């Protein structure tokens, strides 16, 4: 079943169950169990051991010999000295601490004060919707950081203007990855440039370097461009349709910002201790501290990493070797201390402080559980070889000009199935590079750009994507509501991008770019006119 058509069953089942039941944890759990059983020919014992290994490796870093056994797992953990997994585990801690930061900001009155300040200056719903878009453009250092920070900062303003949490999550998610993937000075840019450098070296491409290639590919990343154009269409032209329209109508008419039947969304639970009379500094200082410490840590860890590897310390090498998860954790810890100090200055009781801290951590538990299951199913899917199977569908005999659009589709399916853009990059970029170098060197960059674009599209519509989960958590939206409301907009942007990728080899980059944008506007206009008639 490995690297065969059967390998797509678990992720496909997860997608179907999520849509039918709208119960993410149940859907992921069932798909994880099925995937583990398929991996070991339905041996319950071996599947259970594999799940134990996958789950424990999310918290601890260790090596284990094949075949994996319970005793082997324990021996590996002991031999490693109970070493902490400083990626997934640190991200989980970051989430929990960020929930506490948001809770203290709310309790100290910082959110209310900022909302009152912003309402005086941002007087329209359109202006309130442009705020998260603007912040999404300037906070480009990392998609995780973007997803969680922009939602938390923007929420007081969008709440005041009765903008649904689902729409806020859409703005956050649809600017995070598209911005990060086209900015070279981001964690994504450094990662992609590193892969491109290997592809160019392997295929003896010397007419441009990896950095230059990345810059040339920016306008070729048609989905990133159409996704970014779509958020402006939605904000400026009130383009609400499908489930998003229902959420927006309810928010405008009744002030209900999320589905009350589902309870409090992750990241937005009540503090349980009322609210103090606070100042705007109670919001700005913790968020600013979090940003400054995170960026500073990225620079310092990146410099240390580059020096350890014997590389020159440059902006790109700093981003390439930066310890993202550790930097996020440091930022969250210092940001939390800052939020706590601001809260203590309002002279709360010790009991209220403890209650607020617990409420903040508890508010992130749904997102933590979803992330744990998403990482688990991603590991199972990787072992099943789903990505490799999808990549193998790209065969010879296809007209060269159709290769970019085909890679765009394959990358999209792969990212939807695996829930990871970076994993799809790692699998498909080398394949696209080899194909481009051997079929037609002029198609090399368009094919690489198509993989990047398709990966972002798949990431946007996948319910098991990290950034999808984090965008919902940071915006205070129910995860499933964010997935289902963003889906139609992502599909429209993907259709426009796909048409552009068909035309790109024939007409060139600039023509394909403008045609994609024009097609997107036409599709939006047709849907809006249909709604009005």
Protein backbone atom coordinates (compact mmCIF):
# COMPACT_ATOMS: atom_id res chain seq x y z
CA UNK A 1 0.00 0.00 0.00
CA UNK A 2 3.03 2.27 0.30
CA UNK A 3 3.47 4.77 -2.59
CA UNK A 4 0.33 3.45 -4.28
CA UNK A 5 -3.12 4.82 -5.00
CA UNK A 6 -4.21 3.35 -1.66
CA UNK A 7 -1.92 5.80 0.13
CA UNK A 8 -4.33 8.66 -0.60
CA UNK A 9 -7.20 6.95 1.28
CA UNK A 10 -6.37 8.26 4.82
CA UNK A 11 -6.04 11.95 3.86
CA UNK A 12 -9.02 11.67 1.51
CA UNK A 13 -11.08 10.07 4.29
CA UNK A 14 -10.06 12.87 6.66
CA UNK A 15 -11.23 15.50 4.18
CA UNK A 16 -14.55 13.75 3.55
CA UNK A 17 -15.26 13.19 7.25
CA UNK A 18 -14.41 16.79 8.12
CA UNK A 19 -16.85 18.07 5.52
CA UNK A 20 -19.61 15.59 6.45
CA UNK A 21 -19.33 15.63 10.24
CA UNK A 22 -17.57 18.98 10.87
CA UNK A 23 -15.86 17.18 13.77
CA UNK A 24 -12.15 17.67 13.12
CA UNK A 25 -10.76 15.62 16.00
CA UNK A 26 -12.96 12.63 15.20
CA UNK A 27 -12.16 12.84 11.48
CA UNK A 28 -8.42 13.04 12.04
CA UNK A 29 -8.49 10.29 14.67
CA UNK A 30 -10.28 7.84 12.39
CA UNK A 31 -7.94 8.61 9.49
CA UNK A 32 -4.86 8.22 11.70
CA UNK A 33 -5.99 4.79 12.90
CA UNK A 34 -6.75 3.66 9.34
CA UNK A 35 -3.41 4.96 8.04
CA UNK A 36 -1.45 3.22 10.78
CA UNK A 37 -3.27 -0.05 10.12
CA UNK A 38 -2.64 0.23 6.36
CA UNK A 39 1.04 0.90 7.02
CA UNK A 40 1.41 -2.44 8.80
CA UNK A 41 -1.02 -4.60 6.80
CA UNK A 42 -3.73 -4.15 9.47
CA UNK A 43 -1.61 -5.50 12.32
CA UNK A 44 -3.17 -3.84 15.38
CA UNK A 45 -0.08 -4.36 17.55
CA UNK A 46 2.39 -2.89 15.05
CA UNK A 47 0.03 0.01 14.28
CA UNK A 48 -0.29 0.82 17.99
CA UNK A 49 3.50 0.80 18.42
CA UNK A 50 3.90 3.10 15.41
CA UNK A 51 1.37 5.57 16.84
CA UNK A 52 3.15 5.49 20.19
CA UNK A 53 6.42 6.28 18.40
CA UNK A 54 4.92 9.11 16.34
CA UNK A 55 3.16 10.69 19.31
CA UNK A 56 6.13 10.48 21.68
CA UNK A 57 8.45 11.93 19.02
CA UNK A 58 6.33 15.09 19.02
CA UNK A 59 7.60 15.79 22.54
CA UNK A 60 10.95 14.00 22.73
CA UNK A 61 13.85 13.77 20.28
CA UNK A 62 15.37 10.31 19.99
CA UNK A 63 16.57 7.66 17.55
CA UNK A 64 14.97 4.23 17.33
CA UNK A 65 16.08 1.17 15.37
CA UNK A 66 13.84 -0.66 12.91
CA UNK A 67 11.57 -2.48 13.47
CA UNK A 68 10.08 -0.10 16.03
CA UNK A 69 9.17 -1.73 19.35
CA UNK A 70 8.02 -0.38 22.70
CA UNK A 71 11.32 -1.36 24.30
CA UNK A 72 13.19 0.23 21.38
CA UNK A 73 11.29 3.49 21.86
CA UNK A 74 12.10 3.53 25.56
CA UNK A 75 15.75 2.72 24.92
CA UNK A 76 15.96 5.54 22.37
CA UNK A 77 14.43 8.02 24.79
CA UNK A 78 16.79 6.98 27.59
CA UNK A 79 19.85 7.04 25.31
CA UNK A 80 18.96 10.58 24.18
CA UNK A 81 18.81 11.71 27.81
CA UNK A 82 15.11 12.53 27.45
CA UNK A 83 16.00 15.26 24.93
CA UNK A 84 13.14 17.64 24.18
CA UNK A 85 11.80 17.94 20.63
CA UNK A 86 12.51 21.63 20.08
CA UNK A 87 10.20 22.01 17.08
CA UNK A 88 6.69 20.62 17.64
CA UNK A 89 6.85 20.81 21.45
CA UNK A 90 8.08 24.41 21.41
CA UNK A 91 5.34 25.36 18.94
CA UNK A 92 2.75 23.89 21.32
CA UNK A 93 4.22 25.86 24.23
CA UNK A 94 4.21 28.98 22.07
CA UNK A 95 0.50 28.47 21.40
CA UNK A 96 -0.34 28.02 25.07
CA UNK A 97 1.70 31.03 26.16
CA UNK A 98 0.17 33.14 23.40
CA UNK A 99 -3.28 32.18 24.65
CA UNK A 100 -2.25 33.40 28.09
CA UNK A 101 -0.90 36.64 26.61
CA UNK A 102 -4.23 37.25 24.86
CA UNK A 103 -6.12 36.44 28.06
CA UNK A 104 -4.06 38.88 30.15
CA UNK A 105 -4.42 41.58 27.49
CA UNK A 106 -8.19 41.11 27.57
CA UNK A 107 -8.38 41.07 31.38
CA UNK A 108 -6.15 44.13 31.77
CA UNK A 109 -8.42 46.10 29.46
CA UNK A 110 -5.81 46.47 26.74
CA UNK A 111 -8.04 45.01 24.03
CA UNK A 112 -10.94 47.26 24.95
CA UNK A 113 -8.70 50.33 25.12
CA UNK A 114 -7.15 49.53 21.73
CA UNK A 115 -10.60 48.93 20.28
CA UNK A 116 -11.80 52.32 21.54
CA UNK A 117 -8.68 54.00 20.14
CA UNK A 118 -8.95 52.25 16.79
CA UNK A 119 -12.69 52.79 16.44
CA UNK A 120 -12.09 56.55 16.57
CA UNK A 121 -9.63 56.26 13.69
CA UNK A 122 -10.92 53.25 11.77
CA UNK A 123 -14.51 54.30 11.24
CA UNK A 124 -15.65 51.84 8.58
CA UNK A 125 -15.96 48.08 8.22
CA UNK A 126 -13.76 48.35 5.14
CA UNK A 127 -11.01 50.04 7.13
CA UNK A 128 -11.27 47.39 9.84
CA UNK A 129 -10.93 44.65 7.23
CA UNK A 130 -7.89 46.31 5.71
CA UNK A 131 -6.10 46.29 9.09
CA UNK A 132 -5.32 42.53 9.17
CA UNK A 133 -4.41 42.66 5.48
CA UNK A 134 -1.96 45.51 6.10
CA UNK A 135 -0.46 43.74 9.13
CA UNK A 136 -0.22 40.52 7.12
CA UNK A 137 1.92 42.33 4.55
CA UNK A 138 4.36 43.79 7.05
CA UNK A 139 4.71 40.78 9.39
CA UNK A 140 6.36 38.52 6.82
CA UNK A 141 9.18 36.97 8.83
CA UNK A 142 7.34 33.65 9.38
CA UNK A 143 3.87 32.28 8.67
CA UNK A 144 3.35 30.87 12.19
CA UNK A 145 4.24 34.20 13.73
CA UNK A 146 2.07 36.02 11.18
CA UNK A 147 -0.95 33.76 11.68
CA UNK A 148 -1.06 34.13 15.45
CA UNK A 149 0.04 37.75 15.86
CA UNK A 150 -2.11 39.43 13.18
CA UNK A 151 -5.31 37.78 14.39
CA UNK A 152 -4.74 38.74 18.01
CA UNK A 153 -3.86 42.36 17.22
CA UNK A 154 -6.71 42.86 14.73
CA UNK A 155 -9.47 41.10 16.67
CA UNK A 156 -10.48 44.02 18.95
CA UNK A 157 -11.02 46.26 15.92
CA UNK A 158 -12.80 43.73 13.73
CA UNK A 159 -15.02 42.71 16.66
CA UNK A 160 -16.07 46.32 17.18
CA UNK A 161 -17.06 46.59 13.52
CA UNK A 162 -18.98 43.31 13.63
CA UNK A 163 -16.70 41.44 11.27
CA UNK A 164 -17.10 37.71 11.72
CA UNK A 165 -14.19 35.76 13.16
CA UNK A 166 -14.30 33.47 10.12
CA UNK A 167 -13.61 36.44 7.85
CA UNK A 168 -10.77 37.64 10.08
CA UNK A 169 -9.24 34.15 9.94
CA UNK A 170 -9.57 34.25 6.15
CA UNK A 171 -7.68 37.54 5.92
CA UNK A 172 -4.97 36.24 8.27
CA UNK A 173 -4.51 32.89 6.49
CA UNK A 174 -4.71 34.29 2.96
CA UNK A 175 -1.95 36.83 3.58
CA UNK A 176 0.39 34.74 5.77
CA UNK A 177 1.74 32.03 3.44
CA UNK A 178 1.31 34.03 0.17
CA UNK A 179 3.43 36.85 1.59
CA UNK A 180 6.04 34.56 3.17
CA UNK A 181 6.48 32.56 -0.04
CA UNK A 182 7.31 35.61 -2.19
CA UNK A 183 9.54 37.47 0.28
CA UNK A 184 13.17 36.30 0.20
CA UNK A 185 13.85 37.67 3.69
CA UNK A 186 11.50 35.24 5.40
CA UNK A 187 11.91 31.77 6.84
CA UNK A 188 10.12 30.44 3.75
CA UNK A 189 12.35 32.40 1.38
CA UNK A 190 15.51 31.07 2.97
CA UNK A 191 14.19 27.50 2.87
CA UNK A 192 13.11 27.72 -0.78
CA UNK A 193 16.31 29.44 -1.92
CA UNK A 194 18.32 26.65 -0.30
CA UNK A 195 16.37 24.00 -2.24
CA UNK A 196 16.67 25.97 -5.48
CA UNK A 197 20.42 26.25 -5.03
CA UNK A 198 20.68 22.46 -4.88
CA UNK A 199 18.48 22.06 -7.97
CA UNK A 200 20.52 24.55 -10.00
CA UNK A 201 23.78 22.92 -8.97
CA UNK A 202 22.52 19.40 -9.72
CA UNK A 203 21.33 20.40 -13.20
CA UNK A 204 24.39 22.59 -13.96
CA UNK A 205 22.31 25.76 -14.41
CA UNK A 206 24.72 28.70 -14.34
CA UNK A 207 22.87 31.58 -16.06
CA UNK A 208 21.36 32.69 -12.73
CA UNK A 209 21.90 31.98 -9.07
CA UNK A 210 19.41 30.73 -6.50
CA UNK A 211 18.58 34.18 -5.13
CA UNK A 212 18.10 35.65 -8.60
CA UNK A 213 15.95 32.67 -9.56
CA UNK A 214 13.76 33.24 -6.49
CA UNK A 215 13.25 36.89 -7.43
CA UNK A 216 12.41 35.95 -11.04
CA UNK A 217 9.83 33.45 -9.79
CA UNK A 218 7.89 35.98 -7.65
CA UNK A 219 5.54 37.17 -10.45
CA UNK A 220 5.29 33.55 -11.68
CA UNK A 221 3.78 32.45 -8.34
CA UNK A 222 0.33 33.11 -9.70
CA UNK A 223 -1.68 31.62 -6.85
CA UNK A 224 0.10 33.77 -4.26
CA UNK A 225 -0.76 36.80 -6.40
CA UNK A 226 -4.40 35.86 -6.99
CA UNK A 227 -4.88 34.95 -3.30
CA UNK A 228 -3.54 38.35 -2.26
CA UNK A 229 -5.67 40.09 -4.88
CA UNK A 230 -8.71 38.21 -3.60
CA UNK A 231 -8.40 39.55 -0.05
CA UNK A 232 -8.57 43.10 -1.44
CA UNK A 233 -11.57 42.20 -3.59
CA UNK A 234 -13.34 40.80 -0.53
CA UNK A 235 -12.51 43.78 1.68
CA UNK A 236 -13.07 46.61 -0.80
CA UNK A 237 -16.05 45.26 -2.78
CA UNK A 238 -17.91 43.42 0.01
CA UNK A 239 -17.51 40.16 -1.87
CA UNK A 240 -19.17 37.73 0.53
CA UNK A 241 -20.69 34.50 -0.74
CA UNK A 242 -21.33 30.95 0.40
CA UNK A 243 -20.89 30.21 4.09
CA UNK A 244 -18.87 33.40 4.54
CA UNK A 245 -21.95 35.45 3.66
CA UNK A 246 -23.96 33.65 6.33
CA UNK A 247 -21.32 34.40 8.95
CA UNK A 248 -21.10 38.03 7.86
CA UNK A 249 -24.87 38.54 7.73
CA UNK A 250 -25.20 37.16 11.25
CA UNK A 251 -22.34 39.35 12.52
CA UNK A 252 -23.77 42.53 10.96
CA UNK A 253 -27.39 41.87 11.86
CA UNK A 254 -27.05 40.45 15.37
CA UNK A 255 -23.43 41.04 16.38
CA UNK A 256 -22.82 37.27 16.60
CA UNK A 257 -19.20 36.85 15.49
CA UNK A 258 -18.98 33.05 15.54
CA UNK A 259 -21.21 29.99 15.76
CA UNK A 260 -22.46 30.04 19.34
CA UNK A 261 -23.64 26.43 19.07
CA UNK A 262 -20.00 25.31 18.89
CA UNK A 263 -19.07 27.15 22.09
CA UNK A 264 -16.09 29.46 22.55
CA UNK A 265 -13.56 29.18 19.70
CA UNK A 266 -9.97 28.27 20.53
CA UNK A 267 -7.96 31.33 21.47
CA UNK A 268 -10.94 33.44 22.50
CA UNK A 269 -12.30 31.98 25.71
CA UNK A 270 -13.50 34.37 28.40
CA UNK A 271 -10.93 35.19 31.07
CA UNK A 272 -13.34 34.13 33.80
CA UNK A 273 -12.40 37.15 35.92
CA UNK A 274 -14.17 40.13 34.39
CA UNK A 275 -12.09 42.99 32.98
CA UNK A 276 -9.94 45.72 34.50
CA UNK A 277 -9.95 49.38 33.49
CA UNK A 278 -6.88 49.39 31.31
CA UNK A 279 -4.88 51.43 28.83
CA UNK A 280 -3.86 50.83 25.24
CA UNK A 281 -0.28 50.20 26.39
CA UNK A 282 -1.57 46.97 27.98
CA UNK A 283 -2.04 45.61 24.45
CA UNK A 284 0.77 47.34 22.59
CA UNK A 285 3.59 46.56 25.03
CA UNK A 286 3.06 42.74 25.20
CA UNK A 287 2.60 42.42 21.43
CA UNK A 288 5.54 44.72 20.67
CA UNK A 289 7.69 42.83 23.18
CA UNK A 290 6.71 39.53 21.58
CA UNK A 291 7.58 40.85 18.10
CA UNK A 292 10.90 42.43 19.10
CA UNK A 293 12.10 39.44 21.15
CA UNK A 294 11.06 36.95 18.45
CA UNK A 295 12.76 38.87 15.63
CA UNK A 296 15.83 39.51 17.81
CA UNK A 297 16.04 35.81 18.67
CA UNK A 298 15.71 34.90 15.00
CA UNK A 299 18.65 37.16 14.17
CA UNK A 300 20.83 35.91 17.04
CA UNK A 301 20.13 32.21 16.48
CA UNK A 302 20.54 32.68 12.73
CA UNK A 303 23.93 34.36 13.18
CA UNK A 304 25.08 31.63 15.56
CA UNK A 305 23.85 28.91 13.21
CA UNK A 306 25.59 30.43 10.19
CA UNK A 307 28.85 30.77 12.10
CA UNK A 308 28.63 27.19 13.35
CA UNK A 309 28.23 26.00 9.75
CA UNK A 310 31.12 28.15 8.56
CA UNK A 311 28.83 30.33 6.41
CA UNK A 312 29.13 34.08 5.95
CA UNK A 313 26.68 36.00 8.13
CA UNK A 314 24.23 37.61 5.71
CA UNK A 315 20.51 38.38 5.84
CA UNK A 316 19.77 35.19 3.92
CA UNK A 317 22.08 32.96 5.96
CA UNK A 318 20.58 34.35 9.16
CA UNK A 319 17.09 33.37 7.99
CA UNK A 320 18.33 30.01 6.74
CA UNK A 321 19.89 29.00 10.05
CA UNK A 322 17.51 30.81 12.45
CA UNK A 323 15.90 28.62 15.11
CA UNK A 324 12.28 29.54 14.44
CA UNK A 325 10.54 27.49 17.11
CA UNK A 326 12.96 28.54 19.87
CA UNK A 327 12.67 32.19 18.83
CA UNK A 328 8.87 32.00 18.89
CA UNK A 329 8.99 30.43 22.35
CA UNK A 330 11.37 33.09 23.69
CA UNK A 331 9.13 35.81 22.27
CA UNK A 332 6.05 34.25 23.84
CA UNK A 333 7.70 33.88 27.27
CA UNK A 334 8.95 37.47 27.40
CA UNK A 335 5.68 38.70 25.90
CA UNK A 336 3.80 36.81 28.60
CA UNK A 337 5.94 38.40 31.33
CA UNK A 338 5.25 41.80 29.80
CA UNK A 339 1.50 41.11 29.71
CA UNK A 340 1.63 39.89 33.31
CA UNK A 341 3.40 43.06 34.46
CA UNK A 342 0.82 45.23 32.68
CA UNK A 343 -1.92 43.20 34.37
CA UNK A 344 -0.34 43.48 37.83
CA UNK A 345 -0.23 47.28 37.47
CA UNK A 346 -4.05 47.22 37.40
CA UNK A 347 -3.88 45.73 40.94
CA UNK A 348 -5.89 42.52 40.44
CA UNK A 349 -6.25 39.82 43.07
CA UNK A 350 -3.92 36.81 43.01
CA UNK A 351 -6.93 34.59 42.40
CA UNK A 352 -7.93 36.62 39.32
CA UNK A 353 -4.40 36.40 37.91
CA UNK A 354 -4.39 32.61 38.29
CA UNK A 355 -7.90 32.34 36.82
CA UNK A 356 -6.94 34.46 33.80
CA UNK A 357 -3.75 32.45 33.17
CA UNK A 358 -5.66 29.15 33.27
CA UNK A 359 -8.38 30.52 30.97
CA UNK A 360 -5.77 31.64 28.45
CA UNK A 361 -4.03 28.26 28.40
CA UNK A 362 -7.36 26.44 28.21
CA UNK A 363 -8.48 28.58 25.26
CA UNK A 364 -5.67 27.11 23.16
CA UNK A 365 -6.24 23.46 24.05
CA UNK A 366 -8.52 22.75 21.03
CA UNK A 367 -5.86 24.14 18.68
CA UNK A 368 -3.17 22.11 20.48
CA UNK A 369 -5.18 18.90 20.10
CA UNK A 370 -5.85 19.55 16.42
CA UNK A 371 -2.16 20.29 15.81
CA UNK A 372 -1.11 17.09 17.56
CA UNK A 373 -3.43 15.03 15.38
CA UNK A 374 -2.46 16.97 12.25
CA UNK A 375 1.24 16.27 12.87
CA UNK A 376 0.46 12.62 13.60
CA UNK A 377 -1.50 12.08 10.39
CA UNK A 378 1.20 13.93 8.43
CA UNK A 379 3.78 11.49 9.75
CA UNK A 380 1.59 8.50 8.85
CA UNK A 381 0.94 9.91 5.38
CA UNK A 382 4.67 10.46 4.89
CA UNK A 383 5.35 6.82 5.82
CA UNK A 384 2.66 5.70 3.37
CA UNK A 385 4.43 7.64 0.62
CA UNK A 386 1.38 9.67 -0.41
CA UNK A 387 3.48 12.58 -1.61
CA UNK A 388 5.82 10.35 -3.61
CA UNK A 389 2.85 8.62 -5.25
CA UNK A 390 1.28 11.93 -6.26
CA UNK A 391 4.63 13.11 -7.63
CA UNK A 392 4.89 9.94 -9.74
CA UNK A 393 1.72 10.94 -11.59
CA UNK A 394 3.78 13.49 -13.49
CA UNK A 395 4.79 11.40 -16.46
CA UNK A 396 6.52 11.89 -19.79
CA UNK A 397 4.53 12.41 -22.97
CA UNK A 398 2.69 15.50 -21.73
CA UNK A 399 2.87 18.64 -23.93
CA UNK A 400 5.61 20.79 -22.35
CA UNK A 401 3.43 23.90 -22.02
CA UNK A 402 1.01 21.94 -19.79
CA UNK A 403 3.70 20.88 -17.32
CA UNK A 404 3.44 24.02 -15.11
CA UNK A 405 -0.34 23.75 -14.68
CA UNK A 406 -0.06 19.99 -14.09
CA UNK A 407 2.55 20.53 -11.39
CA UNK A 408 0.34 23.22 -9.87
CA UNK A 409 -2.52 20.71 -9.59
CA UNK A 410 -0.32 17.87 -8.30
CA UNK A 411 1.30 20.15 -5.70
CA UNK A 412 -2.14 21.33 -4.61
CA UNK A 413 -3.40 17.78 -4.15
CA UNK A 414 -0.23 16.81 -2.31
CA UNK A 415 -0.44 19.79 0.09
CA UNK A 416 -4.15 19.18 0.73
CA UNK A 417 -3.43 15.52 1.49
CA UNK A 418 -0.39 16.05 3.69
CA UNK A 419 -1.27 19.41 5.23
CA UNK A 420 2.22 20.77 4.62
CA UNK A 421 3.58 23.24 2.08
CA UNK A 422 7.19 22.65 3.08
CA UNK A 423 6.86 18.90 2.73
CA UNK A 424 5.41 19.36 -0.75
CA UNK A 425 8.28 21.74 -1.62
CA UNK A 426 10.80 19.11 -0.55
CA UNK A 427 9.16 16.37 -2.63
CA UNK A 428 8.13 18.18 -5.81
CA UNK A 429 10.66 21.00 -6.32
CA UNK A 430 13.53 18.60 -7.14
CA UNK A 431 11.24 16.64 -9.48
CA UNK A 432 10.12 19.85 -11.21
CA UNK A 433 13.75 20.97 -11.47
CA UNK A 434 14.85 17.74 -13.13
CA UNK A 435 11.90 17.81 -15.53
CA UNK A 436 12.44 21.45 -16.46
CA UNK A 437 16.18 20.99 -17.05
CA UNK A 438 15.62 17.90 -19.23
CA UNK A 439 12.47 18.89 -21.13
CA UNK A 440 12.89 22.63 -21.74
CA UNK A 441 15.22 24.84 -19.71
CA UNK A 442 12.95 27.84 -20.32
CA UNK A 443 10.26 26.03 -18.30
CA UNK A 444 12.47 25.41 -15.28
CA UNK A 445 11.46 28.49 -13.29
CA UNK A 446 7.76 28.40 -14.28
CA UNK A 447 7.60 24.76 -13.14
CA UNK A 448 9.28 25.54 -9.84
CA UNK A 449 6.91 28.48 -9.34
CA UNK A 450 3.94 26.21 -10.12
CA UNK A 451 5.00 23.85 -7.31
CA UNK A 452 5.24 26.75 -4.87
CA UNK A 453 1.85 28.08 -5.95
CA UNK A 454 0.11 24.72 -5.80
CA UNK A 455 1.57 24.01 -2.38
CA UNK A 456 0.16 27.28 -0.99
CA UNK A 457 -3.26 26.56 -2.50
CA UNK A 458 -3.33 23.07 -1.00
CA UNK A 459 -2.20 24.49 2.34
CA UNK A 460 -5.10 26.97 2.26
CA UNK A 461 -7.80 24.36 1.71
CA UNK A 462 -6.39 21.59 3.90
CA UNK A 463 -8.06 21.21 7.31
CA UNK A 464 -4.88 19.60 8.67
CA UNK A 465 -2.58 22.46 7.65
CA UNK A 466 -0.61 24.07 10.48
CA UNK A 467 -1.28 27.60 9.26
CA UNK A 468 -4.98 26.91 8.77
CA UNK A 469 -5.22 25.74 12.37
CA UNK A 470 -3.12 28.59 13.75
CA UNK A 471 -4.94 31.27 11.73
CA UNK A 472 -8.24 30.11 13.21
CA UNK A 473 -6.76 30.02 16.72
CA UNK A 474 -5.15 33.46 16.43
CA UNK A 475 -8.38 34.96 15.09
CA UNK A 476 -10.70 33.34 17.62
CA UNK A 477 -12.57 31.42 14.93
CA UNK A 478 -13.79 27.85 15.02
CA UNK A 479 -11.36 25.80 12.95
CA UNK A 480 -13.96 24.10 10.77
CA UNK A 481 -15.75 27.40 10.09
CA UNK A 482 -12.48 28.89 8.87
CA UNK A 483 -11.80 25.90 6.61
CA UNK A 484 -15.24 25.92 4.99
CA UNK A 485 -15.53 29.70 4.57
CA UNK A 486 -12.05 30.08 3.05
CA UNK A 487 -12.45 27.15 0.65
CA UNK A 488 -14.55 28.90 -2.06
CA UNK A 489 -12.25 31.94 -2.17
CA UNK A 490 -9.15 29.74 -2.43
CA UNK A 491 -10.74 27.74 -5.26
CA UNK A 492 -11.58 30.91 -7.22
CA UNK A 493 -8.01 32.16 -6.82
CA UNK A 494 -6.71 28.72 -7.88
CA UNK A 495 -8.89 28.65 -11.03
CA UNK A 496 -7.52 32.05 -12.09
CA UNK A 497 -3.97 30.92 -11.32
CA UNK A 498 -4.41 27.64 -13.22
CA UNK A 499 -5.50 29.53 -16.35
CA UNK A 500 -2.43 31.71 -15.96
CA UNK A 501 -0.13 28.68 -15.68
CA UNK A 502 -1.52 27.28 -18.94
CA UNK A 503 -0.74 30.56 -20.68
CA UNK A 504 2.57 31.36 -18.96
CA UNK A 505 4.79 29.21 -21.25
CA UNK A 506 2.96 30.56 -24.31
CA UNK A 507 2.62 34.27 -23.53
CA UNK A 508 5.25 34.99 -20.90
CA UNK A 509 5.19 35.95 -17.22
CA UNK A 510 3.72 39.46 -17.41
CA UNK A 511 0.83 38.47 -19.69
CA UNK A 512 0.00 35.40 -17.59
CA UNK A 513 0.08 37.47 -14.41
CA UNK A 514 -2.34 40.11 -15.70
CA UNK A 515 -4.63 37.54 -17.29
CA UNK A 516 -4.86 35.67 -13.97
CA UNK A 517 -5.83 38.86 -12.14
CA UNK A 518 -8.37 39.82 -14.81
CA UNK A 519 -9.91 36.33 -14.72
CA UNK A 520 -10.16 36.58 -10.94
CA UNK A 521 -12.01 39.91 -11.14
CA UNK A 522 -14.36 38.50 -13.79
CA UNK A 523 -15.17 35.45 -11.67
CA UNK A 524 -15.84 37.65 -8.63
CA UNK A 525 -18.00 40.03 -10.69
CA UNK A 526 -20.08 37.17 -12.13
CA UNK A 527 -20.70 35.65 -8.68
CA UNK A 528 -21.60 39.03 -7.17
CA UNK A 529 -24.00 39.82 -10.03
CA UNK A 530 -25.57 36.37 -9.67
CA UNK A 531 -26.19 37.04 -5.97
CA UNK A 532 -27.84 40.39 -6.70
CA UNK A 533 -30.16 39.06 -9.41
